Amino acid sequence: MMTALLLLMAGVERNPGPGASTDCFNARSIVNQQRSAIRLGSLNAGGATTKAAIIDDLIRDNRLDILAVCESWILDDAPDAIKYDIAPDNYSVLHVHRQRLSKKGQPKRGGGLAFIYNNQLSVKPIKSSLVPKTFELQLLGVQVGNIVVKVANIYRPPGLSKSAFLDEFANLLASLGSGTGERLVICGDLNMPGSDAVNIDKRLTSLLDIHGHQQHVTQSTRHDPRQLPLRRDNLLDLVITSTALASPLVSDVEVFDSHGASDHDLVVSNLSVMRHKPLHLP
């Protein structure tokens, strides 16, 4: 009934007969355009406090529904103009604020997570018993219809122990990815580069294999600002999903220039959950 109603609204008869194939195709296109994948972006912003305009452009230009930001550098007592202005119009933002060395001390170098999302989406923080010491974690549920996708936004400071990180990251995978039908996306800067610009640390690859997960980014995402021959690019910003799902949760993973936001690129992927978009008819 819904398809027939849309065809009639579009000015196409339900059974138009011979010679009307073009009109039928256009009507089917209108119906299909109602459904659209969720566009997820991930970016190490290298400080977002003065980059609202750049972030706005990245979201608009890449048609992002979600932008998971790490290294926001935003403190809990920052003015609202800083906390919330990084979200464009019709978007909202949730923060895991930059940590301090102590309640009265100076803020730690780097850090801070932010999750910017289109207001058409239903997004809620998910409580977790995990309190990792080697990485920052922002865990959220994105509901699309009856489907909930868990998104874990992660930042691992490079100066901390990689071995300790792998232990804590294994606990995260075990706790969040235990269900065979679990829709989980892990994204962010894990700072676990491999021996070249397009691979990650072999220990992380092995850990993902053991827990039935895969990493989808296949090119460097961070560019060393130093001049050649010292310059070295790395694959630091990752998108990770479970291999247990019947069909892949992410597709069309691409790396784009962040246009000066930081020395990291923007990683964009499509989530395979479809949402209904408003129908725009002439």
C-alpha atoms as a PDB file:
ATOM      1  CA  MET A   1       0.000   0.000   0.000  1.00  0.00           C
ATOM      2  CA  MET A   2       2.806   2.451   0.872  1.00  0.00           C
ATOM      3  CA  THR A   3       4.539   1.912  -2.492  1.00  0.00           C
ATOM      4  CA  ALA A   4       1.281   2.398  -4.359  1.00  0.00           C
ATOM      5  CA  LEU A   5       0.535   5.594  -2.431  1.00  0.00           C
ATOM      6  CA  LEU A   6       3.996   6.985  -3.195  1.00  0.00           C
ATOM      7  CA  LEU A   7       3.549   6.166  -6.884  1.00  0.00           C
ATOM      8  CA  LEU A   8       0.229   7.982  -7.005  1.00  0.00           C
ATOM      9  CA  MET A   9       1.666  10.985  -5.135  1.00  0.00           C
ATOM     10  CA  ALA A  10       4.495  11.098  -7.648  1.00  0.00           C
ATOM     11  CA  GLY A  11       2.008  11.261 -10.508  1.00  0.00           C
ATOM     12  CA  VAL A  12       2.612   7.715 -11.751  1.00  0.00           C
ATOM     13  CA  GLU A  13      -0.223   5.264 -12.287  1.00  0.00           C
ATOM     14  CA  ARG A  14       0.012   1.947 -10.465  1.00  0.00           C
ATOM     15  CA  ASN A  15      -0.428   0.000 -13.735  1.00  0.00           C
ATOM     16  CA  PRO A  16       0.537   2.471 -16.450  1.00  0.00           C
ATOM     17  CA  GLY A  17       0.813  -0.084 -19.238  1.00  0.00           C
ATOM     18  CA  PRO A  18       3.253  -0.190 -22.163  1.00  0.00           C
ATOM     19  CA  GLY A  19       5.392   2.809 -22.946  1.00  0.00           C
ATOM     20  CA  ALA A  20       5.577   4.077 -19.353  1.00  0.00           C
ATOM     21  CA  SER A  21       8.771   2.315 -18.200  1.00  0.00           C
ATOM     22  CA  THR A  22      10.633   5.606 -17.612  1.00  0.00           C
ATOM     23  CA  ASP A  23       7.917   6.898 -15.300  1.00  0.00           C
ATOM     24  CA  CYS A  24       7.926   3.605 -13.400  1.00  0.00           C
ATOM     25  CA  PHE A  25      11.705   3.807 -12.979  1.00  0.00           C
ATOM     26  CA  ASN A  26      11.465   7.375 -11.659  1.00  0.00           C
ATOM     27  CA  ALA A  27       8.783   6.381  -9.198  1.00  0.00           C
ATOM     28  CA  ARG A  28      10.834   3.439  -7.917  1.00  0.00           C
ATOM     29  CA  SER A  29      13.790   5.810  -7.510  1.00  0.00           C
ATOM     30  CA  ILE A  30      11.656   8.085  -5.339  1.00  0.00           C
ATOM     31  CA  VAL A  31      10.733   5.137  -3.126  1.00  0.00           C
ATOM     32  CA  ASN A  32      14.347   3.912  -2.897  1.00  0.00           C
ATOM     33  CA  GLN A  33      15.652   7.383  -2.038  1.00  0.00           C
ATOM     34  CA  GLN A  34      13.664   7.236   1.173  1.00  0.00           C
ATOM     35  CA  ARG A  35      16.258   4.820   2.571  1.00  0.00           C
ATOM     36  CA  SER A  36      19.778   5.969   3.282  1.00  0.00           C
ATOM     37  CA  ALA A  37      22.809   4.508   5.061  1.00  0.00           C
ATOM     38  CA  ILE A  38      24.202   6.211   8.155  1.00  0.00           C
ATOM     39  CA  ARG A  39      27.437   8.085   7.343  1.00  0.00           C
ATOM     40  CA  LEU A  40      30.000   7.773  10.149  1.00  0.00           C
ATOM     41  CA  GLY A  41      33.153   9.872  10.316  1.00  0.00           C
ATOM     42  CA  SER A  42      36.089   9.579  12.709  1.00  0.00           C
ATOM     43  CA  LEU A  43      38.739  12.257  13.279  1.00  0.00           C
ATOM     44  CA  ASN A  44      41.605  13.031  15.607  1.00  0.00           C
ATOM     45  CA  ALA A  45      41.029  16.784  15.702  1.00  0.00           C
ATOM     46  CA  GLY A  46      44.222  17.711  17.527  1.00  0.00           C
ATOM     47  CA  GLY A  47      42.112  20.135  19.570  1.00  0.00           C
ATOM     48  CA  ALA A  48      38.587  21.134  18.566  1.00  0.00           C
ATOM     49  CA  THR A  49      38.205  24.256  20.681  1.00  0.00           C
ATOM     50  CA  THR A  50      38.921  26.665  17.812  1.00  0.00           C
ATOM     51  CA  LYS A  51      37.892  24.480  14.878  1.00  0.00           C
ATOM     52  CA  ALA A  52      34.095  24.653  14.842  1.00  0.00           C
ATOM     53  CA  ALA A  53      34.023  26.085  11.302  1.00  0.00           C
ATOM     54  CA  ILE A  54      36.341  23.379   9.929  1.00  0.00           C
ATOM     55  CA  ILE A  55      34.369  20.623  11.656  1.00  0.00           C
ATOM     56  CA  ASP A  56      31.132  22.075  10.273  1.00  0.00           C
ATOM     57  CA  ASP A  57      32.602  21.990   6.748  1.00  0.00           C
ATOM     58  CA  LEU A  58      33.823  18.405   7.142  1.00  0.00           C
ATOM     59  CA  ILE A  59      30.398  17.256   8.293  1.00  0.00           C
ATOM     60  CA  ARG A  60      28.526  19.078   5.527  1.00  0.00           C
ATOM     61  CA  ASP A  61      30.956  18.328   2.693  1.00  0.00           C
ATOM     62  CA  ASN A  62      31.056  14.612   3.519  1.00  0.00           C
ATOM     63  CA  ARG A  63      27.339  14.346   4.370  1.00  0.00           C
ATOM     64  CA  LEU A  64      28.121  12.896   7.794  1.00  0.00           C
ATOM     65  CA  ASP A  65      25.372  11.835  10.156  1.00  0.00           C
ATOM     66  CA  ILE A  66      27.932  11.175  12.897  1.00  0.00           C
ATOM     67  CA  LEU A  67      31.420  12.483  13.585  1.00  0.00           C
ATOM     68  CA  ALA A  68      33.357  10.741  16.367  1.00  0.00           C
ATOM     69  CA  VAL A  69      36.120  13.104  17.504  1.00  0.00           C
ATOM     70  CA  CYS A  70      39.143  12.251  19.608  1.00  0.00           C
ATOM     71  CA  GLU A  71      41.618  14.698  21.105  1.00  0.00           C
ATOM     72  CA  SER A  72      38.925  17.346  21.455  1.00  0.00           C
ATOM     73  CA  TRP A  73      40.896  18.979  24.300  1.00  0.00           C
ATOM     74  CA  ILE A  74      37.593  20.214  25.784  1.00  0.00           C
ATOM     75  CA  LEU A  75      37.451  20.407  29.601  1.00  0.00           C
ATOM     76  CA  ASP A  76      34.357  19.858  31.717  1.00  0.00           C
ATOM     77  CA  ASP A  77      34.342  23.489  32.849  1.00  0.00           C
ATOM     78  CA  ALA A  78      34.741  24.910  29.341  1.00  0.00           C
ATOM     79  CA  PRO A  79      32.172  27.545  28.302  1.00  0.00           C
ATOM     80  CA  ASP A  80      29.098  26.289  26.459  1.00  0.00           C
ATOM     81  CA  ALA A  81      30.265  28.287  23.441  1.00  0.00           C
ATOM     82  CA  ILE A  82      33.203  25.871  23.201  1.00  0.00           C
ATOM     83  CA  LYS A  83      31.436  22.677  24.288  1.00  0.00           C
ATOM     84  CA  TYR A  84      28.450  22.890  21.988  1.00  0.00           C
ATOM     85  CA  ASP A  85      29.469  25.148  19.108  1.00  0.00           C
ATOM     86  CA  ILE A  86      31.471  22.330  17.532  1.00  0.00           C
ATOM     87  CA  ALA A  87      28.101  20.811  16.575  1.00  0.00           C
ATOM     88  CA  PRO A  88      26.560  22.407  13.440  1.00  0.00           C
ATOM     89  CA  ASP A  89      22.932  23.475  13.266  1.00  0.00           C
ATOM     90  CA  ASN A  90      20.587  20.471  13.553  1.00  0.00           C
ATOM     91  CA  TYR A  91      23.333  18.449  15.252  1.00  0.00           C
ATOM     92  CA  SER A  92      24.060  17.695  18.902  1.00  0.00           C
ATOM     93  CA  VAL A  93      27.230  16.691  20.735  1.00  0.00           C
ATOM     94  CA  LEU A  94      28.088  14.439  23.688  1.00  0.00           C
ATOM     95  CA  HIS A  95      31.446  14.753  25.445  1.00  0.00           C
ATOM     96  CA  VAL A  96      33.921  12.733  27.444  1.00  0.00           C
ATOM     97  CA  HIS A  97      35.931  15.673  28.671  1.00  0.00           C
ATOM     98  CA  ARG A  98      39.679  16.031  28.684  1.00  0.00           C
ATOM     99  CA  GLN A  99      41.087  14.686  31.925  1.00  0.00           C
ATOM    100  CA  ARG A 100      43.065  16.578  34.540  1.00  0.00           C
ATOM    101  CA  LEU A 101      46.099  15.382  36.475  1.00  0.00           C
ATOM    102  CA  SER A 102      44.179  16.181  39.662  1.00  0.00           C
ATOM    103  CA  LYS A 103      41.035  18.032  40.669  1.00  0.00           C
ATOM    104  CA  LYS A 104      43.033  21.239  41.031  1.00  0.00           C
ATOM    105  CA  GLY A 105      45.866  20.385  38.660  1.00  0.00           C
ATOM    106  CA  GLN A 106      46.631  21.187  35.069  1.00  0.00           C
ATOM    107  CA  PRO A 107      44.894  19.260  32.287  1.00  0.00           C
ATOM    108  CA  LYS A 108      46.665  16.273  30.810  1.00  0.00           C
ATOM    109  CA  ARG A 109      48.273  16.722  27.422  1.00  0.00           C
ATOM    110  CA  GLY A 110      45.776  15.937  24.647  1.00  0.00           C
ATOM    111  CA  GLY A 111      42.719  13.815  25.165  1.00  0.00           C
ATOM    112  CA  GLY A 112      38.996  14.377  25.237  1.00  0.00           C
ATOM    113  CA  LEU A 113      36.299  12.713  23.128  1.00  0.00           C
ATOM    114  CA  ALA A 114      33.231  14.137  21.401  1.00  0.00           C
ATOM    115  CA  PHE A 115      30.382  12.503  19.496  1.00  0.00           C
ATOM    116  CA  ILE A 116      28.591  14.838  17.081  1.00  0.00           C
ATOM    117  CA  TYR A 117      25.370  13.498  15.573  1.00  0.00           C
ATOM    118  CA  ASN A 118      22.425  14.515  13.432  1.00  0.00           C
ATOM    119  CA  ASN A 119      19.346  15.296  15.511  1.00  0.00           C
ATOM    120  CA  GLN A 120      17.327  12.876  13.374  1.00  0.00           C
ATOM    121  CA  LEU A 121      19.188  10.073  15.157  1.00  0.00           C
ATOM    122  CA  SER A 122      18.482   8.796  18.651  1.00  0.00           C
ATOM    123  CA  VAL A 123      21.795   8.593  20.539  1.00  0.00           C
ATOM    124  CA  LYS A 124      22.345   7.724  24.197  1.00  0.00           C
ATOM    125  CA  PRO A 125      25.472   7.088  26.287  1.00  0.00           C
ATOM    126  CA  ILE A 126      25.931   3.477  27.411  1.00  0.00           C
ATOM    127  CA  LYS A 127      27.206   2.823  30.908  1.00  0.00           C
ATOM    128  CA  SER A 128      30.104   0.419  31.185  1.00  0.00           C
ATOM    129  CA  SER A 129      31.847  -1.197  34.108  1.00  0.00           C
ATOM    130  CA  LEU A 130      35.127  -0.834  32.236  1.00  0.00           C
ATOM    131  CA  VAL A 131      37.326   2.022  33.427  1.00  0.00           C
ATOM    132  CA  PRO A 132      40.392   1.738  31.186  1.00  0.00           C
ATOM    133  CA  LYS A 133      43.630   3.385  32.255  1.00  0.00           C
ATOM    134  CA  THR A 134      45.463   3.129  28.929  1.00  0.00           C
ATOM    135  CA  PHE A 135      42.837   4.668  26.655  1.00  0.00           C
ATOM    136  CA  GLU A 136      39.839   6.988  26.713  1.00  0.00           C
ATOM    137  CA  LEU A 137      36.471   5.427  25.939  1.00  0.00           C
ATOM    138  CA  GLN A 138      33.161   6.916  24.844  1.00  0.00           C
ATOM    139  CA  LEU A 139      30.459   4.277  24.416  1.00  0.00           C
ATOM    140  CA  LEU A 140      27.135   5.160  22.808  1.00  0.00           C
ATOM    141  CA  GLY A 141      24.052   3.511  21.384  1.00  0.00           C
ATOM    142  CA  VAL A 142      22.719   4.784  18.057  1.00  0.00           C
ATOM    143  CA  GLN A 143      19.149   3.636  17.497  1.00  0.00           C
ATOM    144  CA  VAL A 144      17.791   3.390  13.944  1.00  0.00           C
ATOM    145  CA  GLY A 145      14.269   2.002  13.955  1.00  0.00           C
ATOM    146  CA  ASN A 146      14.417  -1.190  16.018  1.00  0.00           C
ATOM    147  CA  ILE A 147      18.172  -1.563  15.539  1.00  0.00           C
ATOM    148  CA  VAL A 148      20.783  -0.336  18.015  1.00  0.00           C
ATOM    149  CA  VAL A 149      24.381   0.094  16.892  1.00  0.00           C
ATOM    150  CA  LYS A 150      26.973   0.434  19.637  1.00  0.00           C
ATOM    151  CA  VAL A 151      29.770   2.850  18.804  1.00  0.00           C
ATOM    152  CA  ALA A 152      32.956   2.879  20.861  1.00  0.00           C
ATOM    153  CA  ASN A 153      34.951   6.068  20.297  1.00  0.00           C
ATOM    154  CA  ILE A 154      38.540   5.507  21.483  1.00  0.00           C
ATOM    155  CA  TYR A 155      41.737   7.464  21.954  1.00  0.00           C
ATOM    156  CA  ARG A 156      44.968   5.863  23.154  1.00  0.00           C
ATOM    157  CA  PRO A 157      47.666   8.371  24.155  1.00  0.00           C
ATOM    158  CA  PRO A 158      50.903   7.267  22.454  1.00  0.00           C
ATOM    159  CA  GLY A 159      53.071   7.482  25.550  1.00  0.00           C
ATOM    160  CA  LEU A 160      51.296   4.718  27.478  1.00  0.00           C
ATOM    161  CA  SER A 161      52.204   1.017  27.488  1.00  0.00           C
ATOM    162  CA  LYS A 162      51.097  -0.842  24.362  1.00  0.00           C
ATOM    163  CA  SER A 163      51.065  -4.184  26.188  1.00  0.00           C
ATOM    164  CA  ALA A 164      48.818  -2.826  28.935  1.00  0.00           C
ATOM    165  CA  PHE A 165      46.587  -1.271  26.275  1.00  0.00           C
ATOM    166  CA  LEU A 166      46.213  -4.592  24.464  1.00  0.00           C
ATOM    167  CA  ASP A 167      45.147  -6.257  27.716  1.00  0.00           C
ATOM    168  CA  GLU A 168      42.498  -3.619  28.410  1.00  0.00           C
ATOM    169  CA  PHE A 169      41.377  -3.529  24.789  1.00  0.00           C
ATOM    170  CA  ALA A 170      40.909  -7.324  24.888  1.00  0.00           C
ATOM    171  CA  ASN A 171      38.589  -6.839  27.868  1.00  0.00           C
ATOM    172  CA  LEU A 172      36.594  -4.304  25.859  1.00  0.00           C
ATOM    173  CA  LEU A 173      36.222  -6.680  22.919  1.00  0.00           C
ATOM    174  CA  ALA A 174      35.169  -9.515  25.200  1.00  0.00           C
ATOM    175  CA  SER A 175      32.563  -7.437  27.020  1.00  0.00           C
ATOM    176  CA  LEU A 176      31.043  -5.631  24.041  1.00  0.00           C
ATOM    177  CA  GLY A 177      31.391  -8.156  21.240  1.00  0.00           C
ATOM    178  CA  SER A 178      30.305 -11.329  22.987  1.00  0.00           C
ATOM    179  CA  GLY A 179      26.966 -11.650  21.157  1.00  0.00           C
ATOM    180  CA  THR A 180      27.028 -13.103  17.646  1.00  0.00           C
ATOM    181  CA  GLY A 181      24.491 -10.520  16.474  1.00  0.00           C
ATOM    182  CA  GLU A 182      26.138  -7.580  18.234  1.00  0.00           C
ATOM    183  CA  ARG A 183      26.316  -4.502  16.052  1.00  0.00           C
ATOM    184  CA  LEU A 184      29.452  -2.802  17.313  1.00  0.00           C
ATOM    185  CA  VAL A 185      31.723  -0.266  15.628  1.00  0.00           C
ATOM    186  CA  ILE A 186      34.997   0.735  17.253  1.00  0.00           C
ATOM    187  CA  CYS A 187      36.610   3.842  15.829  1.00  0.00           C
ATOM    188  CA  GLY A 188      39.249   6.368  16.797  1.00  0.00           C
ATOM    189  CA  ASP A 189      42.992   6.827  17.113  1.00  0.00           C
ATOM    190  CA  LEU A 190      44.511   3.720  18.680  1.00  0.00           C
ATOM    191  CA  ASN A 191      48.111   4.826  18.042  1.00  0.00           C
ATOM    192  CA  MET A 192      49.192   1.281  17.147  1.00  0.00           C
ATOM    193  CA  PRO A 193      51.090   1.708  13.862  1.00  0.00           C
ATOM    194  CA  GLY A 194      52.728  -1.167  12.039  1.00  0.00           C
ATOM    195  CA  SER A 195      56.045  -1.424  10.253  1.00  0.00           C
ATOM    196  CA  ASP A 196      54.831   0.622   7.283  1.00  0.00           C
ATOM    197  CA  ALA A 197      52.282   3.291   6.432  1.00  0.00           C
ATOM    198  CA  VAL A 198      49.388   0.946   5.638  1.00  0.00           C
ATOM    199  CA  ASN A 199      49.508  -1.622   8.432  1.00  0.00           C
ATOM    200  CA  ILE A 200      48.845  -1.719  12.161  1.00  0.00           C
ATOM    201  CA  ASP A 201      50.833  -3.370  14.932  1.00  0.00           C
ATOM    202  CA  LYS A 202      50.861  -7.158  14.438  1.00  0.00           C
ATOM    203  CA  ARG A 203      49.927  -7.688  18.079  1.00  0.00           C
ATOM    204  CA  LEU A 204      46.710  -5.718  17.554  1.00  0.00           C
ATOM    205  CA  THR A 205      45.949  -7.632  14.352  1.00  0.00           C
ATOM    206  CA  SER A 206      46.390 -10.913  16.204  1.00  0.00           C
ATOM    207  CA  LEU A 207      44.162  -9.760  19.053  1.00  0.00           C
ATOM    208  CA  LEU A 208      41.400  -8.770  16.635  1.00  0.00           C
ATOM    209  CA  ASP A 209      41.618 -12.159  14.920  1.00  0.00           C
ATOM    210  CA  ILE A 210      41.342 -14.000  18.221  1.00  0.00           C
ATOM    211  CA  HIS A 211      38.205 -12.074  19.181  1.00  0.00           C
ATOM    212  CA  GLY A 212      36.600 -12.304  15.740  1.00  0.00           C
ATOM    213  CA  HIS A 213      36.996  -8.674  14.697  1.00  0.00           C
ATOM    214  CA  GLN A 214      38.429  -6.968  11.648  1.00  0.00           C
ATOM    215  CA  GLN A 215      39.981  -3.594  10.884  1.00  0.00           C
ATOM    216  CA  HIS A 216      38.745  -1.860   7.715  1.00  0.00           C
ATOM    217  CA  VAL A 217      41.067   1.119   7.050  1.00  0.00           C
ATOM    218  CA  THR A 218      43.756   0.281   4.482  1.00  0.00           C
ATOM    219  CA  GLN A 219      45.765   3.486   4.036  1.00  0.00           C
ATOM    220  CA  SER A 220      47.711   5.909   6.194  1.00  0.00           C
ATOM    221  CA  THR A 221      45.686   8.389   8.240  1.00  0.00           C
ATOM    222  CA  ARG A 222      48.323  10.464  10.008  1.00  0.00           C
ATOM    223  CA  HIS A 223      50.993  12.495   8.251  1.00  0.00           C
ATOM    224  CA  ASP A 224      54.198  13.498   9.983  1.00  0.00           C
ATOM    225  CA  PRO A 225      54.622  17.274   9.499  1.00  0.00           C
ATOM    226  CA  ARG A 226      58.405  17.008   9.356  1.00  0.00           C
ATOM    227  CA  GLN A 227      60.123  17.251   6.011  1.00  0.00           C
ATOM    228  CA  LEU A 228      61.504  14.317   4.062  1.00  0.00           C
ATOM    229  CA  PRO A 229      63.499  12.139   4.552  1.00  0.00           C
ATOM    230  CA  LEU A 230      62.405  12.121   8.217  1.00  0.00           C
ATOM    231  CA  ARG A 231      58.700  12.180   7.406  1.00  0.00           C
ATOM    232  CA  ARG A 232      56.753   8.988   7.997  1.00  0.00           C
ATOM    233  CA  ASP A 233      53.036   8.412   7.530  1.00  0.00           C
ATOM    234  CA  ASN A 234      51.135   5.967   9.756  1.00  0.00           C
ATOM    235  CA  LEU A 235      47.854   4.102   9.960  1.00  0.00           C
ATOM    236  CA  LEU A 236      46.550   5.192  13.366  1.00  0.00           C
ATOM    237  CA  ASP A 237      42.812   5.903  12.927  1.00  0.00           C
ATOM    238  CA  LEU A 238      40.841   2.679  12.671  1.00  0.00           C
ATOM    239  CA  VAL A 239      37.354   1.310  12.067  1.00  0.00           C
ATOM    240  CA  ILE A 240      36.777  -2.110  13.649  1.00  0.00           C
ATOM    241  CA  THR A 241      33.737  -4.424  13.519  1.00  0.00           C
ATOM    242  CA  SER A 242      32.867  -8.026  14.344  1.00  0.00           C
ATOM    243  CA  THR A 243      33.215 -10.739  11.715  1.00  0.00           C
ATOM    244  CA  ALA A 244      30.313 -12.692  13.223  1.00  0.00           C
ATOM    245  CA  LEU A 245      27.550 -10.722  11.504  1.00  0.00           C
ATOM    246  CA  ALA A 246      25.866 -12.268   8.478  1.00  0.00           C
ATOM    247  CA  SER A 247      26.624  -9.129   6.449  1.00  0.00           C
ATOM    248  CA  PRO A 248      29.298  -6.460   7.049  1.00  0.00           C
ATOM    249  CA  LEU A 249      28.251  -3.620   9.349  1.00  0.00           C
ATOM    250  CA  VAL A 250      30.402  -1.054   7.532  1.00  0.00           C
ATOM    251  CA  SER A 251      31.140  -0.473   3.873  1.00  0.00           C
ATOM    252  CA  ASP A 252      32.764   2.099   1.583  1.00  0.00           C
ATOM    253  CA  VAL A 253      35.490   2.968   4.090  1.00  0.00           C
ATOM    254  CA  GLU A 254      37.412   5.954   2.737  1.00  0.00           C
ATOM    255  CA  VAL A 255      40.092   8.369   3.954  1.00  0.00           C
ATOM    256  CA  PHE A 256      39.757  12.075   3.174  1.00  0.00           C
ATOM    257  CA  ASP A 257      41.898  15.138   3.758  1.00  0.00           C
ATOM    258  CA  SER A 258      40.820  16.913   6.953  1.00  0.00           C
ATOM    259  CA  HIS A 259      41.664  20.287   5.338  1.00  0.00           C
ATOM    260  CA  GLY A 260      43.847  21.577   8.120  1.00  0.00           C
ATOM    261  CA  ALA A 261      41.856  20.282  11.087  1.00  0.00           C
ATOM    262  CA  SER A 262      44.964  18.374  12.204  1.00  0.00           C
ATOM    263  CA  ASP A 263      47.749  16.164  10.862  1.00  0.00           C
ATOM    264  CA  HIS A 264      45.219  13.298  10.781  1.00  0.00           C
ATOM    265  CA  ASP A 265      42.849  12.494   7.928  1.00  0.00           C
ATOM    266  CA  LEU A 266      39.105  12.023   8.205  1.00  0.00           C
ATOM    267  CA  VAL A 267      37.955   8.384   8.039  1.00  0.00           C
ATOM    268  CA  VAL A 268      34.429   7.902   6.642  1.00  0.00           C
ATOM    269  CA  SER A 269      32.329   4.755   6.371  1.00  0.00           C
ATOM    270  CA  ASN A 270      28.712   3.778   5.739  1.00  0.00           C
ATOM    271  CA  LEU A 271      26.843   1.824   8.398  1.00  0.00           C
ATOM    272  CA  SER A 272      24.657  -0.857   6.832  1.00  0.00           C
ATOM    273  CA  VAL A 273      21.638   0.088   8.924  1.00  0.00           C
ATOM    274  CA  MET A 274      19.153   2.028   6.818  1.00  0.00           C
ATOM    275  CA  ARG A 275      17.017   4.913   7.968  1.00  0.00           C
ATOM    276  CA  HIS A 276      13.951   6.421   6.377  1.00  0.00           C
ATOM    277  CA  LYS A 277      14.402   9.939   5.039  1.00  0.00           C
ATOM    278  CA  PRO A 278      11.568  12.417   4.448  1.00  0.00           C
ATOM    279  CA  LEU A 279      10.112  12.170   0.942  1.00  0.00           C
ATOM    280  CA  HIS A 280      10.535  15.344  -1.075  1.00  0.00           C
ATOM    281  CA  LEU A 281       8.134  15.520  -3.972  1.00  0.00           C
ATOM    282  CA  PRO A 282       7.803  18.361  -6.535  1.00  0.00           C
END
